[in-house]
Amino acid sequence: MSGQLLKQFASGNRTIQVILSDVVKERGYDRAIDAISAAAKEAIAERIKNAFIGSTMLSDNVKTAATTLRIVSMDHLSDMDEAEHATVEILDSNGTKIKTAHVAKNPCSAEGEFSCITCC
């Protein structure tokens, strides 16, 4: 699965990439990445970055192993998670998925995090 690099940021001694997948998860169709506005892509990439950095729900092992945060679904609702969220696959340096996470569109005040991550 390929995609478009939206953002890179430092985490510890590594560079983390935020990529928007060009295939929509569980749908099997191609995403027209260029049809999504630059502002929308920047906003979701920044939210994913901030959620990753500030998350208390991701273990230190996951954060240390992660090199890529691949957005496989833009903001949506689902039966599994009623909060509007983006679905993100967290990949290691080999491109192996180590975790799937939902990053809520709105902050989760109960958790006190900038943006809520739930893992599935």
PDB file of N, CA and C in Angstrom:
ATOM      1  N   MET A   1       0.848  -1.167   0.000  1.00  0.00           N
ATOM      2  CA  MET A   1       0.000   0.000   0.000  1.00  0.00           C
ATOM      3  C   MET A   1       0.898   1.235   0.000  1.00  0.00           C
ATOM      4  N   SER A   2       0.634   2.131  -0.885  1.00  0.00           N
ATOM      5  CA  SER A   2       1.420   3.360  -0.943  1.00  0.00           C
ATOM      6  C   SER A   2       0.528   4.534  -0.560  1.00  0.00           C
ATOM      7  N   GLY A   3       1.087   5.709  -0.652  1.00  0.00           N
ATOM      8  CA  GLY A   3       0.318   6.882  -0.291  1.00  0.00           C
ATOM      9  C   GLY A   3       1.125   8.145  -0.455  1.00  0.00           C
ATOM     10  N   GLN A   4       0.634   9.204   0.165  1.00  0.00           N
ATOM     11  CA  GLN A   4       1.270  10.513   0.072  1.00  0.00           C
ATOM     12  C   GLN A   4       1.807  10.917   1.445  1.00  0.00           C
ATOM     13  N   LEU A   5       3.074  11.310   1.478  1.00  0.00           N
ATOM     14  CA  LEU A   5       3.685  11.801   2.706  1.00  0.00           C
ATOM     15  C   LEU A   5       3.074  13.150   3.038  1.00  0.00           C
ATOM     16  N   LEU A   6       2.480  13.254   4.233  1.00  0.00           N
ATOM     17  CA  LEU A   6       1.851  14.502   4.654  1.00  0.00           C
ATOM     18  C   LEU A   6       2.722  15.287   5.626  1.00  0.00           C
ATOM     19  N   LYS A   7       3.480  14.572   6.461  1.00  0.00           N
ATOM     20  CA  LYS A   7       4.238  15.249   7.516  1.00  0.00           C
ATOM     21  C   LYS A   7       5.323  14.318   8.012  1.00  0.00           C
ATOM     22  N   GLN A   8       6.416  14.907   8.472  1.00  0.00           N
ATOM     23  CA  GLN A   8       7.472  14.197   9.189  1.00  0.00           C
ATOM     24  C   GLN A   8       7.736  14.963  10.478  1.00  0.00           C
ATOM     25  N   PHE A   9       8.010  14.227  11.557  1.00  0.00           N
ATOM     26  CA  PHE A   9       8.339  14.878  12.819  1.00  0.00           C
ATOM     27  C   PHE A   9       9.278  13.995  13.621  1.00  0.00           C
ATOM     28  N   ALA A  10      10.007  14.608  14.526  1.00  0.00           N
ATOM     29  CA  ALA A  10      10.952  13.887  15.363  1.00  0.00           C
ATOM     30  C   ALA A  10      10.243  13.324  16.584  1.00  0.00           C
ATOM     31  N   SER A  11      10.614  12.112  16.935  1.00  0.00           N
ATOM     32  CA  SER A  11      10.145  11.473  18.167  1.00  0.00           C
ATOM     33  C   SER A  11      11.317  10.681  18.709  1.00  0.00           C
ATOM     34  N   GLY A  12      11.907  11.183  19.786  1.00  0.00           N
ATOM     35  CA  GLY A  12      13.137  10.563  20.281  1.00  0.00           C
ATOM     36  C   GLY A  12      14.233  10.774  19.253  1.00  0.00           C
ATOM     37  N   ASN A  13      14.909   9.711  18.898  1.00  0.00           N
ATOM     38  CA  ASN A  13      15.982   9.815  17.899  1.00  0.00           C
ATOM     39  C   ASN A  13      15.539   9.360  16.511  1.00  0.00           C
ATOM     40  N   ARG A  14      14.223   9.267  16.288  1.00  0.00           N
ATOM     41  CA  ARG A  14      13.688   8.807  15.015  1.00  0.00           C
ATOM     42  C   ARG A  14      12.869   9.892  14.343  1.00  0.00           C
ATOM     43  N   THR A  15      12.700   9.717  13.048  1.00  0.00           N
ATOM     44  CA  THR A  15      11.781  10.557  12.289  1.00  0.00           C
ATOM     45  C   THR A  15      10.544   9.727  11.992  1.00  0.00           C
ATOM     46  N   ILE A  16       9.394  10.265  12.351  1.00  0.00           N
ATOM     47  CA  ILE A  16       8.117   9.589  12.118  1.00  0.00           C
ATOM     48  C   ILE A  16       7.462  10.230  10.896  1.00  0.00           C
ATOM     49  N   GLN A  17       6.956   9.389  10.007  1.00  0.00           N
ATOM     50  CA  GLN A  17       6.247   9.873   8.827  1.00  0.00           C
ATOM     51  C   GLN A  17       4.750   9.667   9.001  1.00  0.00           C
ATOM     52  N   VAL A  18       3.974  10.668   8.597  1.00  0.00           N
ATOM     53  CA  VAL A  18       2.515  10.544   8.533  1.00  0.00           C
ATOM     54  C   VAL A  18       2.161  10.459   7.054  1.00  0.00           C
ATOM     55  N   ILE A  19       1.560   9.337   6.679  1.00  0.00           N
ATOM     56  CA  ILE A  19       1.246   9.065   5.277  1.00  0.00           C
ATOM     57  C   ILE A  19      -0.260   8.862   5.118  1.00  0.00           C
ATOM     58  N   LEU A  20      -0.823   9.445   4.081  1.00  0.00           N
ATOM     59  CA  LEU A  20      -2.220   9.214   3.729  1.00  0.00           C
ATOM     60  C   LEU A  20      -2.249   8.099   2.690  1.00  0.00           C
ATOM     61  N   SER A  21      -2.817   6.965   3.066  1.00  0.00           N
ATOM     62  CA  SER A  21      -2.873   5.810   2.182  1.00  0.00           C
ATOM     63  C   SER A  21      -3.695   6.121   0.939  1.00  0.00           C
ATOM     64  N   ASP A  22      -3.267   5.572  -0.184  1.00  0.00           N
ATOM     65  CA  ASP A  22      -4.026   5.780  -1.411  1.00  0.00           C
ATOM     66  C   ASP A  22      -5.084   4.696  -1.630  1.00  0.00           C
ATOM     67  N   VAL A  23      -5.197   3.759  -0.675  1.00  0.00           N
ATOM     68  CA  VAL A  23      -6.241   2.737  -0.718  1.00  0.00           C
ATOM     69  C   VAL A  23      -7.056   2.873   0.564  1.00  0.00           C
ATOM     70  N   VAL A  24      -8.367   2.898   0.443  1.00  0.00           N
ATOM     71  CA  VAL A  24      -9.239   3.047   1.594  1.00  0.00           C
ATOM     72  C   VAL A  24      -9.408   1.699   2.277  1.00  0.00           C
ATOM     73  N   LYS A  25      -9.115   1.652   3.585  1.00  0.00           N
ATOM     74  CA  LYS A  25      -9.174   0.411   4.345  1.00  0.00           C
ATOM     75  C   LYS A  25     -10.541  -0.252   4.228  1.00  0.00           C
ATOM     76  N   GLU A  26     -10.522  -1.551   4.060  1.00  0.00           N
ATOM     77  CA  GLU A  26     -11.704  -2.407   4.046  1.00  0.00           C
ATOM     78  C   GLU A  26     -12.681  -2.099   2.919  1.00  0.00           C
ATOM     79  N   ARG A  27     -12.315  -1.204   2.039  1.00  0.00           N
ATOM     80  CA  ARG A  27     -13.200  -0.893   0.916  1.00  0.00           C
ATOM     81  C   ARG A  27     -12.573  -1.365  -0.394  1.00  0.00           C
ATOM     82  N   GLY A  28     -11.230  -1.376  -0.436  1.00  0.00           N
ATOM     83  CA  GLY A  28     -10.540  -1.872  -1.598  1.00  0.00           C
ATOM     84  C   GLY A  28     -10.529  -0.935  -2.784  1.00  0.00           C
ATOM     85  N   TYR A  29     -10.954   0.305  -2.613  1.00  0.00           N
ATOM     86  CA  TYR A  29     -10.914   1.224  -3.743  1.00  0.00           C
ATOM     87  C   TYR A  29      -9.843   2.286  -3.533  1.00  0.00           C
ATOM     88  N   ASP A  30      -9.407   2.851  -4.638  1.00  0.00           N
ATOM     89  CA  ASP A  30      -8.369   3.871  -4.582  1.00  0.00           C
ATOM     90  C   ASP A  30      -8.937   5.183  -4.085  1.00  0.00           C
ATOM     91  N   ARG A  31      -8.125   5.895  -3.304  1.00  0.00           N
ATOM     92  CA  ARG A  31      -8.511   7.215  -2.806  1.00  0.00           C
ATOM     93  C   ARG A  31      -7.901   8.247  -3.743  1.00  0.00           C
ATOM     94  N   ALA A  32      -8.690   9.203  -4.153  1.00  0.00           N
ATOM     95  CA  ALA A  32      -8.187  10.302  -4.983  1.00  0.00           C
ATOM     96  C   ALA A  32      -7.537  11.338  -4.054  1.00  0.00           C
ATOM     97  N   ILE A  33      -6.300  11.071  -3.674  1.00  0.00           N
ATOM     98  CA  ILE A  33      -5.601  11.906  -2.693  1.00  0.00           C
ATOM     99  C   ILE A  33      -5.564  13.360  -3.132  1.00  0.00           C
ATOM    100  N   ASP A  34      -5.350  13.604  -4.403  1.00  0.00           N
ATOM    101  CA  ASP A  34      -5.231  14.977  -4.897  1.00  0.00           C
ATOM    102  C   ASP A  34      -6.555  15.741  -4.818  1.00  0.00           C
ATOM    103  N   ALA A  35      -7.670  15.026  -4.646  1.00  0.00           N
ATOM    104  CA  ALA A  35      -8.973  15.696  -4.532  1.00  0.00           C
ATOM    105  C   ALA A  35      -9.222  16.226  -3.119  1.00  0.00           C
ATOM    106  N   ILE A  36      -8.391  15.805  -2.167  1.00  0.00           N
ATOM    107  CA  ILE A  36      -8.522  16.265  -0.781  1.00  0.00           C
ATOM    108  C   ILE A  36      -7.722  17.554  -0.645  1.00  0.00           C
ATOM    109  N   SER A  37      -8.318  18.571  -0.065  1.00  0.00           N
ATOM    110  CA  SER A  37      -7.650  19.872   0.029  1.00  0.00           C
ATOM    111  C   SER A  37      -6.371  19.787   0.863  1.00  0.00           C
ATOM    112  N   ALA A  38      -5.427  20.635   0.529  1.00  0.00           N
ATOM    113  CA  ALA A  38      -4.166  20.705   1.283  1.00  0.00           C
ATOM    114  C   ALA A  38      -4.439  21.048   2.743  1.00  0.00           C
ATOM    115  N   ALA A  39      -5.403  21.915   2.995  1.00  0.00           N
ATOM    116  CA  ALA A  39      -5.737  22.304   4.370  1.00  0.00           C
ATOM    117  C   ALA A  39      -6.273  21.112   5.169  1.00  0.00           C
ATOM    118  N   ALA A  40      -7.123  20.303   4.546  1.00  0.00           N
ATOM    119  CA  ALA A  40      -7.670  19.125   5.230  1.00  0.00           C
ATOM    120  C   ALA A  40      -6.567  18.117   5.525  1.00  0.00           C
ATOM    121  N   LYS A  41      -5.661  17.924   4.573  1.00  0.00           N
ATOM    122  CA  LYS A  41      -4.561  16.985   4.793  1.00  0.00           C
ATOM    123  C   LYS A  41      -3.625  17.485   5.888  1.00  0.00           C
ATOM    124  N   GLU A  42      -3.321  18.772   5.894  1.00  0.00           N
ATOM    125  CA  GLU A  42      -2.449  19.340   6.924  1.00  0.00           C
ATOM    126  C   GLU A  42      -3.096  19.216   8.298  1.00  0.00           C
ATOM    127  N   ALA A  43      -4.392  19.488   8.386  1.00  0.00           N
ATOM    128  CA  ALA A  43      -5.090  19.429   9.667  1.00  0.00           C
ATOM    129  C   ALA A  43      -5.095  18.010  10.242  1.00  0.00           C
ATOM    130  N   ILE A  44      -5.374  17.016   9.410  1.00  0.00           N
ATOM    131  CA  ILE A  44      -5.413  15.645   9.936  1.00  0.00           C
ATOM    132  C   ILE A  44      -4.004  15.162  10.279  1.00  0.00           C
ATOM    133  N   ALA A  45      -3.017  15.535   9.488  1.00  0.00           N
ATOM    134  CA  ALA A  45      -1.641  15.131   9.784  1.00  0.00           C
ATOM    135  C   ALA A  45      -1.167  15.722  11.108  1.00  0.00           C
ATOM    136  N   GLU A  46      -1.494  16.971  11.354  1.00  0.00           N
ATOM    137  CA  GLU A  46      -1.107  17.619  12.616  1.00  0.00           C
ATOM    138  C   GLU A  46      -1.821  16.965  13.793  1.00  0.00           C
ATOM    139  N   ARG A  47      -3.097  16.626  13.614  1.00  0.00           N
ATOM    140  CA  ARG A  47      -3.848  15.966  14.687  1.00  0.00           C
ATOM    141  C   ARG A  47      -3.277  14.585  14.998  1.00  0.00           C
ATOM    142  N   ILE A  48      -2.905  13.838  13.953  1.00  0.00           N
ATOM    143  CA  ILE A  48      -2.314  12.510  14.142  1.00  0.00           C
ATOM    144  C   ILE A  48      -0.985  12.644  14.882  1.00  0.00           C
ATOM    145  N   LYS A  49      -0.160  13.589  14.461  1.00  0.00           N
ATOM    146  CA  LYS A  49       1.134  13.833  15.122  1.00  0.00           C
ATOM    147  C   LYS A  49       0.936  14.152  16.597  1.00  0.00           C
ATOM    148  N   ASN A  50       0.072  15.101  16.901  1.00  0.00           N
ATOM    149  CA  ASN A  50      -0.147  15.507  18.290  1.00  0.00           C
ATOM    150  C   ASN A  50      -0.727  14.384  19.133  1.00  0.00           C
ATOM    151  N   ALA A  51      -1.608  13.591  18.539  1.00  0.00           N
ATOM    152  CA  ALA A  51      -2.183  12.461  19.267  1.00  0.00           C
ATOM    153  C   ALA A  51      -1.109  11.426  19.578  1.00  0.00           C
ATOM    154  N   PHE A  52      -0.227  11.161  18.618  1.00  0.00           N
ATOM    155  CA  PHE A  52       0.845  10.182  18.828  1.00  0.00           C
ATOM    156  C   PHE A  52       1.787  10.659  19.921  1.00  0.00           C
ATOM    157  N   ILE A  53       2.208  11.899  19.849  1.00  0.00           N
ATOM    158  CA  ILE A  53       3.156  12.436  20.828  1.00  0.00           C
ATOM    159  C   ILE A  53       2.546  12.469  22.225  1.00  0.00           C
ATOM    160  N   GLY A  54       1.274  12.877  22.324  1.00  0.00           N
ATOM    161  CA  GLY A  54       0.650  13.066  23.625  1.00  0.00           C
ATOM    162  C   GLY A  54      -0.084  11.864  24.177  1.00  0.00           C
ATOM    163  N   SER A  55      -0.112  10.770  23.447  1.00  0.00           N
ATOM    164  CA  SER A  55      -0.922   9.634  23.858  1.00  0.00           C
ATOM    165  C   SER A  55      -0.378   8.937  25.094  1.00  0.00           C
ATOM    166  N   THR A  56      -1.292   8.661  26.012  1.00  0.00           N
ATOM    167  CA  THR A  56      -0.963   7.798  27.141  1.00  0.00           C
ATOM    168  C   THR A  56      -1.523   6.393  26.916  1.00  0.00           C
ATOM    169  N   MET A  57      -2.236   6.203  25.791  1.00  0.00           N
ATOM    170  CA  MET A  57      -2.839   4.904  25.509  1.00  0.00           C
ATOM    171  C   MET A  57      -1.929   4.003  24.672  1.00  0.00           C
ATOM    172  N   LEU A  58      -0.887   4.575  24.074  1.00  0.00           N
ATOM    173  CA  LEU A  58       0.069   3.765  23.328  1.00  0.00           C
ATOM    174  C   LEU A  58       1.225   3.426  24.259  1.00  0.00           C
ATOM    175  N   SER A  59       1.640   2.172  24.255  1.00  0.00           N
ATOM    176  CA  SER A  59       2.750   1.766  25.118  1.00  0.00           C
ATOM    177  C   SER A  59       4.055   2.390  24.630  1.00  0.00           C
ATOM    178  N   ASP A  60       5.013   2.482  25.516  1.00  0.00           N
ATOM    179  CA  ASP A  60       6.341   2.981  25.139  1.00  0.00           C
ATOM    180  C   ASP A  60       6.957   2.100  24.059  1.00  0.00           C
ATOM    181  N   ASN A  61       6.699   0.785  24.116  1.00  0.00           N
ATOM    182  CA  ASN A  61       7.231  -0.129  23.098  1.00  0.00           C
ATOM    183  C   ASN A  61       6.695   0.207  21.714  1.00  0.00           C
ATOM    184  N   VAL A  62       5.400   0.516  21.631  1.00  0.00           N
ATOM    185  CA  VAL A  62       4.799   0.878  20.340  1.00  0.00           C
ATOM    186  C   VAL A  62       5.390   2.193  19.855  1.00  0.00           C
ATOM    187  N   LYS A  63       5.459   3.179  20.744  1.00  0.00           N
ATOM    188  CA  LYS A  63       5.998   4.486  20.349  1.00  0.00           C
ATOM    189  C   LYS A  63       7.455   4.379  19.902  1.00  0.00           C
ATOM    190  N   THR A  64       8.223   3.538  20.561  1.00  0.00           N
ATOM    191  CA  THR A  64       9.634   3.380  20.213  1.00  0.00           C
ATOM    192  C   THR A  64       9.816   2.658  18.886  1.00  0.00           C
ATOM    193  N   ALA A  65       8.956   1.688  18.604  1.00  0.00           N
ATOM    194  CA  ALA A  65       9.070   0.904  17.367  1.00  0.00           C
ATOM    195  C   ALA A  65       8.498   1.623  16.152  1.00  0.00           C
ATOM    196  N   ALA A  66       7.603   2.567  16.365  1.00  0.00           N
ATOM    197  CA  ALA A  66       6.894   3.218  15.260  1.00  0.00           C
ATOM    198  C   ALA A  66       7.818   4.075  14.404  1.00  0.00           C
ATOM    199  N   THR A  67       7.615   3.983  13.092  1.00  0.00           N
ATOM    200  CA  THR A  67       8.304   4.868  12.147  1.00  0.00           C
ATOM    201  C   THR A  67       7.329   5.528  11.174  1.00  0.00           C
ATOM    202  N   THR A  68       6.144   4.919  11.031  1.00  0.00           N
ATOM    203  CA  THR A  68       5.153   5.434  10.086  1.00  0.00           C
ATOM    204  C   THR A  68       3.766   5.364  10.697  1.00  0.00           C
ATOM    205  N   LEU A  69       3.016   6.444  10.523  1.00  0.00           N
ATOM    206  CA  LEU A  69       1.613   6.493  10.908  1.00  0.00           C
ATOM    207  C   LEU A  69       0.832   6.625   9.609  1.00  0.00           C
ATOM    208  N   ARG A  70       0.192   5.525   9.195  1.00  0.00           N
ATOM    209  CA  ARG A  70      -0.493   5.488   7.908  1.00  0.00           C
ATOM    210  C   ARG A  70      -1.998   5.679   8.117  1.00  0.00           C
ATOM    211  N   ILE A  71      -2.530   6.779   7.589  1.00  0.00           N
ATOM    212  CA  ILE A  71      -3.955   7.064   7.686  1.00  0.00           C
ATOM    213  C   ILE A  71      -4.667   6.212   6.638  1.00  0.00           C
ATOM    214  N   VAL A  72      -5.476   5.267   7.110  1.00  0.00           N
ATOM    215  CA  VAL A  72      -6.162   4.375   6.179  1.00  0.00           C
ATOM    216  C   VAL A  72      -7.629   4.752   5.999  1.00  0.00           C
ATOM    217  N   SER A  73      -8.169   5.548   6.916  1.00  0.00           N
ATOM    218  CA  SER A  73      -9.521   6.076   6.766  1.00  0.00           C
ATOM    219  C   SER A  73      -9.553   7.474   7.352  1.00  0.00           C
ATOM    220  N   MET A  74     -10.060   8.415   6.571  1.00  0.00           N
ATOM    221  CA  MET A  74     -10.231   9.777   7.064  1.00  0.00           C
ATOM    222  C   MET A  74     -11.375   9.767   8.084  1.00  0.00           C
ATOM    223  N   ASP A  75     -11.687  10.916   8.651  1.00  0.00           N
ATOM    224  CA  ASP A  75     -12.699  10.999   9.702  1.00  0.00           C
ATOM    225  C   ASP A  75     -14.013  10.350   9.270  1.00  0.00           C
ATOM    226  N   HIS A  76     -14.532   9.504  10.162  1.00  0.00           N
ATOM    227  CA  HIS A  76     -15.771   8.778   9.911  1.00  0.00           C
ATOM    228  C   HIS A  76     -16.334   8.268  11.236  1.00  0.00           C
ATOM    229  N   LEU A  77     -17.547   7.780  11.203  1.00  0.00           N
ATOM    230  CA  LEU A  77     -18.175   7.084  12.327  1.00  0.00           C
ATOM    231  C   LEU A  77     -18.201   5.606  11.987  1.00  0.00           C
ATOM    232  N   SER A  78     -18.202   4.758  13.005  1.00  0.00           N
ATOM    233  CA  SER A  78     -18.296   3.327  12.739  1.00  0.00           C
ATOM    234  C   SER A  78     -19.055   2.648  13.866  1.00  0.00           C
ATOM    235  N   ASP A  79     -19.472   1.417  13.621  1.00  0.00           N
ATOM    236  CA  ASP A  79     -20.155   0.636  14.655  1.00  0.00           C
ATOM    237  C   ASP A  79     -19.225   0.390  15.841  1.00  0.00           C
ATOM    238  N   MET A  80     -17.929   0.283  15.552  1.00  0.00           N
ATOM    239  CA  MET A  80     -16.951  -0.020  16.587  1.00  0.00           C
ATOM    240  C   MET A  80     -16.596   1.194  17.443  1.00  0.00           C
ATOM    241  N   ASP A  81     -16.746   2.408  16.895  1.00  0.00           N
ATOM    242  CA  ASP A  81     -16.360   3.625  17.606  1.00  0.00           C
ATOM    243  C   ASP A  81     -17.308   4.737  17.181  1.00  0.00           C
ATOM    244  N   GLU A  82     -18.180   5.152  18.082  1.00  0.00           N
ATOM    245  CA  GLU A  82     -19.194   6.145  17.751  1.00  0.00           C
ATOM    246  C   GLU A  82     -18.651   7.558  17.651  1.00  0.00           C
ATOM    247  N   ALA A  83     -17.452   7.806  18.197  1.00  0.00           N
ATOM    248  CA  ALA A  83     -16.841   9.130  18.068  1.00  0.00           C
ATOM    249  C   ALA A  83     -16.262   9.266  16.661  1.00  0.00           C
ATOM    250  N   GLU A  84     -16.436  10.428  16.057  1.00  0.00           N
ATOM    251  CA  GLU A  84     -15.854  10.644  14.733  1.00  0.00           C
ATOM    252  C   GLU A  84     -14.338  10.535  14.860  1.00  0.00           C
ATOM    253  N   HIS A  85     -13.728   9.744  13.987  1.00  0.00           N
ATOM    254  CA  HIS A  85     -12.301   9.450  14.118  1.00  0.00           C
ATOM    255  C   HIS A  85     -11.684   9.087  12.774  1.00  0.00           C
ATOM    256  N   ALA A  86     -10.356   9.189  12.747  1.00  0.00           N
ATOM    257  CA  ALA A  86      -9.570   8.676  11.625  1.00  0.00           C
ATOM    258  C   ALA A  86      -8.958   7.353  12.087  1.00  0.00           C
ATOM    259  N   THR A  87      -8.819   6.412  11.170  1.00  0.00           N
ATOM    260  CA  THR A  87      -8.171   5.147  11.497  1.00  0.00           C
ATOM    261  C   THR A  87      -6.738   5.197  10.993  1.00  0.00           C
ATOM    262  N   VAL A  88      -5.811   4.855  11.895  1.00  0.00           N
ATOM    263  CA  VAL A  88      -4.386   4.959  11.613  1.00  0.00           C
ATOM    264  C   VAL A  88      -3.720   3.626  11.913  1.00  0.00           C
ATOM    265  N   GLU A  89      -2.901   3.168  10.994  1.00  0.00           N
ATOM    266  CA  GLU A  89      -2.063   1.994  11.238  1.00  0.00           C
ATOM    267  C   GLU A  89      -0.684   2.481  11.625  1.00  0.00           C
ATOM    268  N   ILE A  90      -0.158   1.930  12.705  1.00  0.00           N
ATOM    269  CA  ILE A  90       1.174   2.283  13.190  1.00  0.00           C
ATOM    270  C   ILE A  90       2.114   1.190  12.706  1.00  0.00           C
ATOM    271  N   LEU A  91       3.126   1.592  11.929  1.00  0.00           N
ATOM    272  CA  LEU A  91       4.037   0.642  11.295  1.00  0.00           C
ATOM    273  C   LEU A  91       5.438   0.775  11.865  1.00  0.00           C
ATOM    274  N   ASP A  92       6.175  -0.339  11.851  1.00  0.00           N
ATOM    275  CA  ASP A  92       7.581  -0.297  12.261  1.00  0.00           C
ATOM    276  C   ASP A  92       8.472  -0.051  11.045  1.00  0.00           C
ATOM    277  N   SER A  93       9.774  -0.099  11.252  1.00  0.00           N
ATOM    278  CA  SER A  93      10.727   0.218  10.176  1.00  0.00           C
ATOM    279  C   SER A  93      10.689  -0.783   9.026  1.00  0.00           C
ATOM    280  N   ASN A  94      10.121  -1.964   9.243  1.00  0.00           N
ATOM    281  CA  ASN A  94       9.980  -2.966   8.181  1.00  0.00           C
ATOM    282  C   ASN A  94       8.653  -2.821   7.437  1.00  0.00           C
ATOM    283  N   GLY A  95       7.830  -1.857   7.854  1.00  0.00           N
ATOM    284  CA  GLY A  95       6.521  -1.685   7.244  1.00  0.00           C
ATOM    285  C   GLY A  95       5.476  -2.628   7.802  1.00  0.00           C
ATOM    286  N   THR A  96       5.798  -3.289   8.906  1.00  0.00           N
ATOM    287  CA  THR A  96       4.877  -4.217   9.542  1.00  0.00           C
ATOM    288  C   THR A  96       3.945  -3.458  10.477  1.00  0.00           C
ATOM    289  N   LYS A  97       2.656  -3.745  10.378  1.00  0.00           N
ATOM    290  CA  LYS A  97       1.676  -3.091  11.246  1.00  0.00           C
ATOM    291  C   LYS A  97       1.841  -3.619  12.665  1.00  0.00           C
ATOM    292  N   ILE A  98       2.035  -2.691  13.618  1.00  0.00           N
ATOM    293  CA  ILE A  98       2.163  -3.091  15.013  1.00  0.00           C
ATOM    294  C   ILE A  98       0.939  -2.704  15.843  1.00  0.00           C
ATOM    295  N   LYS A  99       0.116  -1.818  15.322  1.00  0.00           N
ATOM    296  CA  LYS A  99      -1.072  -1.382  16.060  1.00  0.00           C
ATOM    297  C   LYS A  99      -1.991  -0.631  15.101  1.00  0.00           C
ATOM    298  N   THR A 100      -3.282  -0.744  15.337  1.00  0.00           N
ATOM    299  CA  THR A 100      -4.273   0.088  14.667  1.00  0.00           C
ATOM    300  C   THR A 100      -4.884   0.980  15.728  1.00  0.00           C
ATOM    301  N   ALA A 101      -5.062   2.251  15.398  1.00  0.00           N
ATOM    302  CA  ALA A 101      -5.601   3.195  16.379  1.00  0.00           C
ATOM    303  C   ALA A 101      -6.655   4.078  15.735  1.00  0.00           C
ATOM    304  N   HIS A 102      -7.584   4.537  16.555  1.00  0.00           N
ATOM    305  CA  HIS A 102      -8.563   5.546  16.147  1.00  0.00           C
ATOM    306  C   HIS A 102      -8.141   6.851  16.798  1.00  0.00           C
ATOM    307  N   VAL A 103      -8.047   7.891  16.002  1.00  0.00           N
ATOM    308  CA  VAL A 103      -7.708   9.218  16.522  1.00  0.00           C
ATOM    309  C   VAL A 103      -8.956  10.076  16.373  1.00  0.00           C
ATOM    310  N   ALA A 104      -9.527  10.439  17.519  1.00  0.00           N
ATOM    311  CA  ALA A 104     -10.783  11.185  17.530  1.00  0.00           C
ATOM    312  C   ALA A 104     -10.615  12.572  16.936  1.00  0.00           C
ATOM    313  N   LYS A 105     -11.664  13.022  16.257  1.00  0.00           N
ATOM    314  CA  LYS A 105     -11.635  14.359  15.665  1.00  0.00           C
ATOM    315  C   LYS A 105     -11.672  15.429  16.740  1.00  0.00           C
ATOM    316  N   ASN A 106     -12.429  15.176  17.799  1.00  0.00           N
ATOM    317  CA  ASN A 106     -12.537  16.138  18.891  1.00  0.00           C
ATOM    318  C   ASN A 106     -11.780  15.619  20.102  1.00  0.00           C
ATOM    319  N   PRO A 107     -11.198  16.524  20.868  1.00  0.00           N
ATOM    320  CA  PRO A 107     -10.446  16.094  22.063  1.00  0.00           C
ATOM    321  C   PRO A 107     -11.309  15.280  23.013  1.00  0.00           C
ATOM    322  N   CYS A 108     -10.692  14.360  23.703  1.00  0.00           N
ATOM    323  CA  CYS A 108     -11.368  13.540  24.705  1.00  0.00           C
ATOM    324  C   CYS A 108     -11.067  14.147  26.067  1.00  0.00           C
ATOM    325  N   SER A 109     -11.928  15.003  26.527  1.00  0.00           N
ATOM    326  CA  SER A 109     -11.655  15.718  27.766  1.00  0.00           C
ATOM    327  C   SER A 109     -11.527  14.780  28.963  1.00  0.00           C
ATOM    328  N   ALA A 110     -12.206  13.643  28.933  1.00  0.00           N
ATOM    329  CA  ALA A 110     -12.126  12.718  30.061  1.00  0.00           C
ATOM    330  C   ALA A 110     -10.715  12.171  30.235  1.00  0.00           C
ATOM    331  N   GLU A 111     -10.017  11.940  29.124  1.00  0.00           N
ATOM    332  CA  GLU A 111      -8.656  11.432  29.195  1.00  0.00           C
ATOM    333  C   GLU A 111      -7.647  12.563  29.372  1.00  0.00           C
ATOM    334  N   GLY A 112      -8.065  13.786  29.096  1.00  0.00           N
ATOM    335  CA  GLY A 112      -7.163  14.916  29.249  1.00  0.00           C
ATOM    336  C   GLY A 112      -6.110  14.996  28.167  1.00  0.00           C
ATOM    337  N   GLU A 113      -6.279  14.249  27.079  1.00  0.00           N
ATOM    338  CA  GLU A 113      -5.294  14.287  26.004  1.00  0.00           C
ATOM    339  C   GLU A 113      -5.718  15.300  24.947  1.00  0.00           C
ATOM    340  N   PHE A 114      -4.740  15.803  24.209  1.00  0.00           N
ATOM    341  CA  PHE A 114      -5.039  16.745  23.123  1.00  0.00           C
ATOM    342  C   PHE A 114      -6.019  16.119  22.160  1.00  0.00           C
ATOM    343  N   SER A 115      -5.744  14.892  21.781  1.00  0.00           N
ATOM    344  CA  SER A 115      -6.622  14.152  20.896  1.00  0.00           C
ATOM    345  C   SER A 115      -6.606  12.711  21.352  1.00  0.00           C
ATOM    346  N   CYS A 116      -7.747  12.101  21.390  1.00  0.00           N
ATOM    347  CA  CYS A 116      -7.880  10.768  21.966  1.00  0.00           C
ATOM    348  C   CYS A 116      -7.458   9.689  20.975  1.00  0.00           C
ATOM    349  N   ILE A 117      -6.692   8.721  21.461  1.00  0.00           N
ATOM    350  CA  ILE A 117      -6.370   7.535  20.677  1.00  0.00           C
ATOM    351  C   ILE A 117      -7.003   6.349  21.365  1.00  0.00           C
ATOM    352  N   THR A 118      -7.762   5.553  20.622  1.00  0.00           N
ATOM    353  CA  THR A 118      -8.212   4.270  21.122  1.00  0.00           C
ATOM    354  C   THR A 118      -7.590   3.215  20.234  1.00  0.00           C
ATOM    355  N   CYS A 119      -7.183   2.132  20.809  1.00  0.00           N
ATOM    356  CA  CYS A 119      -6.513   1.092  20.037  1.00  0.00           C
ATOM    357  C   CYS A 119      -7.447  -0.084  19.803  1.00  0.00           C
ATOM    358  N   CYS A 120      -7.322  -0.645  18.613  1.00  0.00           N
ATOM    359  CA  CYS A 120      -8.196  -1.774  18.275  1.00  0.00           C
ATOM    360  C   CYS A 120      -7.410  -2.832  17.542  1.00  0.00           C
TER     361      CYS A 120
END
